[in-house]
């Protein structure tokens, strides 16, 4: 029995020693792998700084071609940039070498991170989207050089407000549609491109939008299709709600005017329209994607809801004029459909809208 006990104790001690040795080997192996990865990181540091230097030299060459600087000034700027990025390489290499020393000196990983993109890097300068100088901290964004002259930007467009229709032979005061109850909503995406090379006074704004134009008849009326002619008739029951919504998919295009501030840096420049007046005039064209009438009424004490789609003879191809005037991202907005709401009618009706518009970067 004692022999068996001794054997089991010896076996336990041997297994414990092997386990400890295995853990030590694993730790050494883990640290060694990280050291090798850091050595490869040194190559990446040089590639990143060289790419940034190349972008800066290209920006200097563009300024030289435009006549903004002389050949002597260009050569001076290039030498300064080369010296700066050489020092950057030297400093970053020292950081990587320090990490390698820490791993080689310690038995555990000592909280060392391998890649530069895990380190917050101070970035001091001007935010290209504003006109204010600032200091901020952030992580490098994929190490891509900044575009020197970015002439096109994009934003989300949202507009809403009051809607109605201009009818042949009638004024807006005589409209059969509720002035306060008829509304429109528009949502889309727009691009804005600087037209001229050396000034931002004129911009071309273009995009895609969905327009929803609503009409609420006065009284107890609703829309009826009488052999292709769309008319208003009295509903058989007391209406709680009567509304026709016409949906259009359009491509708006505007010429936008207004002042801006030029922001110039060593490796890029931008025109900022933040906190500036703007005025846009243009139009839109597209096609109708549907129409729906919603009715709500009481029938023998029960609340009834009807949604009638199609069969309203809406104009297939739509087009119109639009304009806006505002400050920064907010503007007053107006649009008018040159195409009639309904096709081949005895009396033509054209949609008109007035509201506010937000261009959100």
Protein backbone atom coordinates (compact mmCIF):
# COMPACT_ATOMS: atom_id res chain seq x y z
CA UNK A 1 0.00 0.00 0.00
CA UNK A 2 2.88 2.36 0.90
CA UNK A 3 4.55 1.55 -2.41
CA UNK A 4 1.39 2.49 -4.31
CA UNK A 5 1.03 5.70 -2.30
CA UNK A 6 4.67 6.67 -3.02
CA UNK A 7 4.18 5.97 -6.71
CA UNK A 8 1.04 8.10 -6.86
CA UNK A 9 2.77 10.94 -4.97
CA UNK A 10 5.75 10.79 -7.33
CA UNK A 11 3.40 10.80 -10.33
CA UNK A 12 1.54 13.81 -8.96
CA UNK A 13 4.79 15.71 -8.40
CA UNK A 14 6.00 14.86 -11.92
CA UNK A 15 2.72 16.00 -13.51
CA UNK A 16 2.82 19.27 -11.53
CA UNK A 17 6.36 19.96 -12.70
CA UNK A 18 5.42 19.27 -16.30
CA UNK A 19 2.40 21.58 -16.01
CA UNK A 20 4.54 24.39 -14.58
CA UNK A 21 7.13 23.91 -17.32
CA UNK A 22 4.39 23.93 -19.96
CA UNK A 23 2.95 27.18 -18.59
CA UNK A 24 6.40 28.79 -18.55
CA UNK A 25 7.02 27.64 -22.11
CA UNK A 26 3.64 28.95 -23.21
CA UNK A 27 4.32 32.32 -21.60
CA UNK A 28 7.74 32.58 -23.20
CA UNK A 29 6.24 31.56 -26.52
CA UNK A 30 3.43 34.11 -26.17
CA UNK A 31 5.86 36.93 -25.39
CA UNK A 32 8.15 35.88 -28.21
CA UNK A 33 5.27 35.96 -30.70
CA UNK A 34 4.41 39.50 -29.61
CA UNK A 35 8.05 40.57 -29.92
CA UNK A 36 8.15 39.26 -33.50
CA UNK A 37 4.88 41.09 -34.26
CA UNK A 38 6.36 44.33 -32.91
CA UNK A 39 9.39 43.93 -35.15
CA UNK A 40 7.03 43.77 -38.12
CA UNK A 41 5.25 46.82 -36.73
CA UNK A 42 8.46 48.82 -37.23
CA UNK A 43 8.10 48.31 -40.99
CA UNK A 44 4.50 49.49 -40.83
CA UNK A 45 5.59 52.68 -39.02
CA UNK A 46 7.93 53.59 -41.88
CA UNK A 47 5.27 52.87 -44.51
CA UNK A 48 2.69 55.06 -42.75
CA UNK A 49 5.01 58.05 -42.31
CA UNK A 50 6.25 57.80 -45.91
CA UNK A 51 2.65 57.76 -47.18
CA UNK A 52 1.85 60.89 -45.13
CA UNK A 53 5.00 62.59 -46.43
CA UNK A 54 4.07 61.72 -50.01
CA UNK A 55 0.60 63.28 -49.57
CA UNK A 56 2.13 66.45 -48.13
CA UNK A 57 4.61 66.73 -51.02
CA UNK A 58 1.73 66.34 -53.51
CA UNK A 59 -0.14 69.16 -51.75
CA UNK A 60 2.96 71.39 -51.98
CA UNK A 61 3.28 70.61 -55.72
CA UNK A 62 -0.36 71.60 -56.28
CA UNK A 63 0.26 74.96 -54.58
CA UNK A 64 3.37 75.41 -56.76
CA UNK A 65 1.39 74.69 -59.95
CA UNK A 66 -1.27 77.23 -58.92
CA UNK A 67 1.43 79.87 -58.39
CA UNK A 68 0.57 80.23 -54.70
CA UNK A 69 4.23 79.60 -53.72
CA UNK A 70 7.62 79.94 -55.42
CA UNK A 71 10.07 77.13 -56.26
CA UNK A 72 12.28 78.18 -53.36
CA UNK A 73 9.35 78.12 -50.92
CA UNK A 74 8.27 74.71 -52.25
CA UNK A 75 11.73 73.22 -51.72
CA UNK A 76 11.86 74.66 -48.18
CA UNK A 77 8.44 73.21 -47.32
CA UNK A 78 9.43 69.79 -48.70
CA UNK A 79 12.63 69.74 -46.63
CA UNK A 80 10.71 70.71 -43.49
CA UNK A 81 8.13 67.99 -44.15
CA UNK A 82 10.85 65.36 -44.74
CA UNK A 83 12.59 66.34 -41.49
CA UNK A 84 9.32 66.21 -39.55
CA UNK A 85 8.36 62.72 -40.74
CA UNK A 86 11.91 61.44 -40.21
CA UNK A 87 11.64 62.55 -36.58
CA UNK A 88 8.20 60.92 -36.38
CA UNK A 89 9.69 57.62 -37.54
CA UNK A 90 12.48 57.94 -34.98
CA UNK A 91 10.04 58.64 -32.12
CA UNK A 92 7.61 55.90 -33.07
CA UNK A 93 10.43 53.39 -33.51
CA UNK A 94 11.60 54.23 -29.99
CA UNK A 95 8.10 53.49 -28.67
CA UNK A 96 8.07 50.07 -30.39
CA UNK A 97 11.58 49.26 -29.09
CA UNK A 98 10.44 50.12 -25.57
CA UNK A 99 7.54 47.67 -25.91
CA UNK A 100 9.94 44.96 -27.07
CA UNK A 101 12.21 45.62 -24.05
CA UNK A 102 9.24 45.36 -21.67
CA UNK A 103 8.17 42.01 -23.12
CA UNK A 104 11.72 40.63 -23.07
CA UNK A 105 12.26 41.74 -19.49
CA UNK A 106 9.00 40.46 -17.93
CA UNK A 107 7.40 37.05 -17.55
CA UNK A 108 3.91 38.27 -18.34
CA UNK A 109 2.66 40.49 -21.11
CA UNK A 110 2.77 43.55 -18.82
CA UNK A 111 -0.27 45.10 -20.53
CA UNK A 112 1.65 45.84 -23.71
CA UNK A 113 -0.41 46.45 -26.88
CA UNK A 114 1.14 45.68 -30.21
CA UNK A 115 -0.39 47.88 -32.90
CA UNK A 116 -0.24 51.65 -33.21
CA UNK A 117 -3.95 51.84 -33.95
CA UNK A 118 -4.59 50.86 -30.34
CA UNK A 119 -2.79 54.00 -29.11
CA UNK A 120 -4.57 57.35 -28.87
CA UNK A 121 -2.52 59.85 -30.86
CA UNK A 122 -2.70 63.63 -30.32
CA UNK A 123 -3.97 65.37 -33.42
CA UNK A 124 -3.72 69.16 -33.29
CA UNK A 125 -5.21 71.42 -35.94
CA UNK A 126 -8.45 72.66 -37.41
CA UNK A 127 -11.64 70.69 -37.91
CA UNK A 128 -12.22 70.79 -41.66
CA UNK A 129 -16.02 71.04 -41.17
CA UNK A 130 -15.94 74.23 -39.07
CA UNK A 131 -14.23 77.59 -39.13
CA UNK A 132 -12.92 77.35 -35.58
CA UNK A 133 -9.41 76.37 -34.50
CA UNK A 134 -9.33 73.57 -31.94
CA UNK A 135 -7.21 70.91 -30.33
CA UNK A 136 -8.56 67.38 -30.16
CA UNK A 137 -7.44 63.82 -29.48
CA UNK A 138 -8.35 60.86 -31.65
CA UNK A 139 -7.24 57.65 -33.31
CA UNK A 140 -5.77 57.65 -36.81
CA UNK A 141 -8.47 56.93 -39.40
CA UNK A 142 -7.12 54.00 -41.43
CA UNK A 143 -3.87 55.93 -42.00
CA UNK A 144 -5.27 57.41 -45.23
CA UNK A 145 -3.84 60.78 -46.29
CA UNK A 146 -6.40 63.60 -46.27
CA UNK A 147 -7.67 64.75 -49.69
CA UNK A 148 -6.06 68.12 -50.44
CA UNK A 149 -9.04 69.71 -52.24
CA UNK A 150 -12.37 68.01 -51.52
CA UNK A 151 -14.87 69.73 -53.83
CA UNK A 152 -17.90 67.51 -53.15
CA UNK A 153 -19.71 66.85 -49.87
CA UNK A 154 -23.03 65.16 -49.07
CA UNK A 155 -25.81 65.42 -46.51
CA UNK A 156 -29.26 64.25 -45.46
CA UNK A 157 -32.17 66.45 -46.56
CA UNK A 158 -35.41 66.62 -44.56
CA UNK A 159 -38.23 69.08 -45.34
CA UNK A 160 -41.81 69.46 -44.13
CA UNK A 161 -44.60 72.03 -43.93
CA UNK A 162 -47.94 73.09 -45.39
CA UNK A 163 -49.30 71.77 -48.68
CA UNK A 164 -52.13 72.72 -51.01
CA UNK A 165 -53.10 73.00 -54.67
CA UNK A 166 -53.51 75.84 -57.14
CA UNK A 167 -56.62 75.24 -59.27
CA UNK A 168 -57.31 76.89 -62.65
CA UNK A 169 -59.66 79.83 -62.26
CA UNK A 170 -59.51 79.85 -58.44
CA UNK A 171 -57.36 81.58 -55.84
CA UNK A 172 -55.67 79.78 -52.97
CA UNK A 173 -58.29 81.30 -50.62
CA UNK A 174 -60.96 79.37 -52.52
CA UNK A 175 -59.11 76.06 -52.29
CA UNK A 176 -61.30 73.05 -51.40
CA UNK A 177 -58.42 71.72 -49.27
CA UNK A 178 -57.71 72.60 -45.64
CA UNK A 179 -55.01 75.23 -45.38
CA UNK A 180 -53.71 74.01 -42.01
CA UNK A 181 -54.49 70.31 -42.39
CA UNK A 182 -52.81 69.56 -45.73
CA UNK A 183 -49.09 68.89 -45.29
CA UNK A 184 -46.01 67.67 -47.15
CA UNK A 185 -42.89 65.76 -46.14
CA UNK A 186 -39.67 65.18 -48.08
CA UNK A 187 -36.61 63.09 -47.28
CA UNK A 188 -33.56 62.44 -49.43
CA UNK A 189 -29.81 62.52 -49.91
CA UNK A 190 -27.97 65.35 -51.64
CA UNK A 191 -24.46 66.03 -52.92
CA UNK A 192 -22.95 69.52 -53.12
CA UNK A 193 -20.13 70.32 -55.55
CA UNK A 194 -18.14 73.53 -55.84
CA UNK A 195 -18.60 74.82 -59.40
CA UNK A 196 -15.48 76.98 -59.75
CA UNK A 197 -11.93 76.04 -58.84
CA UNK A 198 -10.92 79.07 -56.79
CA UNK A 199 -14.19 80.25 -55.26
CA UNK A 200 -17.06 78.62 -53.37
CA UNK A 201 -19.68 81.30 -54.01
CA UNK A 202 -21.58 79.03 -56.41
CA UNK A 203 -22.33 75.38 -55.61
CA UNK A 204 -24.31 72.72 -57.49
CA UNK A 205 -26.60 70.74 -55.18
CA UNK A 206 -28.20 67.56 -56.53
CA UNK A 207 -29.60 64.29 -55.18
CA UNK A 208 -32.57 61.95 -54.81
CA UNK A 209 -35.69 62.46 -52.69
CA UNK A 210 -39.09 61.02 -51.86
CA UNK A 211 -41.86 63.63 -51.68
CA UNK A 212 -45.17 62.97 -49.89
CA UNK A 213 -47.83 65.58 -50.68
CA UNK A 214 -51.03 65.41 -48.63
CA UNK A 215 -54.42 67.00 -49.37
CA UNK A 216 -57.30 67.11 -46.85
CA UNK A 217 -60.64 68.16 -48.38
CA UNK A 218 -62.85 70.64 -46.55
CA UNK A 219 -66.17 69.47 -45.11
CA UNK A 220 -67.31 65.86 -45.44
CA UNK A 221 -65.76 65.26 -48.88
CA UNK A 222 -63.48 62.63 -50.39
CA UNK A 223 -61.83 61.91 -53.76
CA UNK A 224 -63.72 59.87 -56.35
CA UNK A 225 -62.64 58.68 -59.81
CA UNK A 226 -65.41 59.36 -62.33
CA UNK A 227 -64.26 57.75 -65.57
CA UNK A 228 -60.73 59.15 -65.15
CA UNK A 229 -61.83 62.56 -63.84
CA UNK A 230 -60.93 62.99 -60.15
CA UNK A 231 -63.56 64.98 -58.24
CA UNK A 232 -64.66 65.64 -54.66
CA UNK A 233 -67.95 64.17 -53.50
CA UNK A 234 -69.92 64.14 -50.27
CA UNK A 235 -69.25 60.98 -48.26
CA UNK A 236 -72.23 58.83 -47.22
CA UNK A 237 -71.28 58.91 -43.51
CA UNK A 238 -69.80 61.45 -41.13
CA UNK A 239 -66.05 61.56 -41.76
CA UNK A 240 -63.53 61.89 -38.96
CA UNK A 241 -60.69 62.07 -41.48
CA UNK A 242 -60.27 62.28 -45.24
CA UNK A 243 -56.80 62.59 -46.75
CA UNK A 244 -55.15 61.84 -50.09
CA UNK A 245 -51.35 61.40 -50.12
CA UNK A 246 -49.42 61.41 -53.40
CA UNK A 247 -45.91 59.87 -53.39
CA UNK A 248 -43.24 61.01 -55.86
CA UNK A 249 -39.64 59.92 -56.36
CA UNK A 250 -37.64 62.84 -57.74
CA UNK A 251 -34.12 64.09 -58.48
CA UNK A 252 -33.79 67.69 -57.24
CA UNK A 253 -31.06 70.00 -58.56
CA UNK A 254 -30.30 73.52 -57.28
CA UNK A 255 -27.75 76.24 -57.83
CA UNK A 256 -26.74 77.32 -54.33
CA UNK A 257 -25.23 80.77 -53.70
CA UNK A 258 -23.68 82.21 -50.58
CA UNK A 259 -20.51 83.21 -48.75
CA UNK A 260 -18.08 80.77 -47.14
CA UNK A 261 -14.80 80.81 -45.24
CA UNK A 262 -11.63 79.31 -46.69
CA UNK A 263 -9.62 77.17 -44.27
CA UNK A 264 -6.02 76.53 -45.38
CA UNK A 265 -3.55 74.08 -43.86
CA UNK A 266 -0.23 72.61 -45.01
CA UNK A 267 -1.75 69.46 -46.53
CA UNK A 268 -5.35 70.47 -47.34
CA UNK A 269 -7.82 73.32 -47.66
CA UNK A 270 -11.59 73.51 -47.32
CA UNK A 271 -14.43 75.98 -47.79
CA UNK A 272 -16.76 76.10 -44.79
CA UNK A 273 -20.37 77.34 -44.99
CA UNK A 274 -20.97 76.87 -41.26
CA UNK A 275 -22.99 79.81 -39.87
CA UNK A 276 -23.32 81.36 -43.33
CA UNK A 277 -26.31 82.56 -45.36
CA UNK A 278 -27.34 80.51 -48.40
CA UNK A 279 -29.81 80.76 -51.26
CA UNK A 280 -30.79 77.95 -53.62
CA UNK A 281 -32.91 77.94 -56.76
CA UNK A 282 -33.66 75.09 -59.14
CA UNK A 283 -36.16 72.33 -59.67
CA UNK A 284 -36.84 68.61 -59.68
CA UNK A 285 -38.06 65.86 -61.95
CA UNK A 286 -39.12 62.27 -61.44
CA UNK A 287 -42.11 60.00 -61.40
CA UNK A 288 -45.12 59.16 -59.31
CA UNK A 289 -44.79 56.00 -57.20
CA UNK A 290 -48.31 55.83 -55.81
CA UNK A 291 -51.27 57.50 -54.18
CA UNK A 292 -53.37 56.52 -51.18
CA UNK A 293 -56.61 57.85 -49.71
CA UNK A 294 -57.29 57.31 -46.02
CA UNK A 295 -60.85 57.54 -44.67
CA UNK A 296 -62.01 57.33 -41.05
CA UNK A 297 -65.71 57.37 -40.09
CA UNK A 298 -68.31 55.97 -37.70
CA UNK A 299 -70.78 53.34 -38.86
CA UNK A 300 -73.42 52.20 -36.37
CA UNK A 301 -71.13 53.02 -33.47
CA UNK A 302 -68.10 51.24 -34.97
CA UNK A 303 -64.95 53.11 -36.01
CA UNK A 304 -64.14 52.27 -39.61
CA UNK A 305 -60.87 52.83 -41.47
CA UNK A 306 -60.38 52.55 -45.22
CA UNK A 307 -57.15 52.80 -47.21
CA UNK A 308 -57.74 53.13 -50.93
CA UNK A 309 -54.66 52.73 -53.16
CA UNK A 310 -54.28 53.63 -56.82
CA UNK A 311 -57.15 54.47 -59.16
CA UNK A 312 -56.59 58.23 -58.72
CA UNK A 313 -55.19 58.92 -62.20
CA UNK A 314 -52.14 60.75 -60.85
CA UNK A 315 -49.64 62.17 -63.35
CA UNK A 316 -46.88 59.62 -63.97
CA UNK A 317 -44.05 62.05 -64.78
CA UNK A 318 -43.67 64.90 -62.29
CA UNK A 319 -41.53 68.02 -62.43
CA UNK A 320 -41.46 71.42 -60.81
CA UNK A 321 -39.59 74.43 -59.43
CA UNK A 322 -38.15 74.83 -55.93
CA UNK A 323 -36.11 77.32 -53.92
CA UNK A 324 -34.77 77.84 -50.42
CA UNK A 325 -33.13 80.58 -48.37
CA UNK A 326 -31.61 80.11 -44.95
CA UNK A 327 -28.72 80.13 -42.52
CA UNK A 328 -26.33 77.24 -41.86
CA UNK A 329 -28.36 73.96 -41.96
CA UNK A 330 -31.87 75.50 -41.71
CA UNK A 331 -33.78 77.16 -44.55
CA UNK A 332 -37.25 78.23 -45.62
CA UNK A 333 -38.33 76.04 -48.52
CA UNK A 334 -40.92 76.33 -51.32
CA UNK A 335 -41.78 74.04 -54.22
CA UNK A 336 -44.36 74.10 -57.00
CA UNK A 337 -45.32 71.26 -59.35
CA UNK A 338 -45.45 72.39 -62.98
CA UNK A 339 -47.01 69.01 -63.76
CA UNK A 340 -50.66 68.62 -62.67
CA UNK A 341 -51.57 66.37 -59.76
CA UNK A 342 -54.12 64.43 -61.81
CA UNK A 343 -53.75 63.50 -65.48
CA UNK A 344 -56.15 64.65 -68.25
CA UNK A 345 -58.55 66.59 -66.03
CA UNK A 346 -61.27 69.03 -66.94
CA UNK A 347 -59.81 71.46 -64.39
CA UNK A 348 -56.04 71.29 -63.78
CA UNK A 349 -54.62 71.27 -60.24
CA UNK A 350 -50.97 71.86 -59.35
CA UNK A 351 -49.39 71.06 -56.01
CA UNK A 352 -47.72 73.86 -54.00
CA UNK A 353 -45.75 73.53 -50.73
CA UNK A 354 -44.18 75.88 -48.22
CA UNK A 355 -42.17 74.87 -45.16
CA UNK A 356 -38.72 74.39 -43.67
CA UNK A 357 -35.74 72.37 -44.85
CA UNK A 358 -32.81 70.85 -42.96
CA UNK A 359 -29.53 69.92 -44.71
CA UNK A 360 -27.81 67.71 -42.12
CA UNK A 361 -24.12 66.92 -42.60
